[in-house]
């Protein structure tokens, strides 16, 4: 009972997090955003070499297009619904973590 309530609460939190990111992603980290992923990841790779994949874990290494970022977010929304209705809770929770970590990583903080 407690586990079910926790997972449903976690699903709601992920749902809100991904849904709230949807209208912001283009302006924040999209191709023409404030801190675009397309310039961030190559810079990170130049500085860190192959260890960049370890230090900056994100699925955006595969593609940094606006479409791909939206696919990541919509996947998070759909998986959070799946978690809420308890479809494969463990793999879905892991996938949600990976998706959110990916978005968190590309939402870098600019150091001045």
Foldseek 3Di string as FASTA:
>chain_A
DVVLVVLLVVLVVLLVVLVVCQVPCCQQAAPPHPNHLVVVVVVLCVVPPPCSCVVQPAPCVVPRHPVVLNVLSVLSNVLSVCSNVPPPNPVSVVSNVRSVSRVVSSSDDDDD
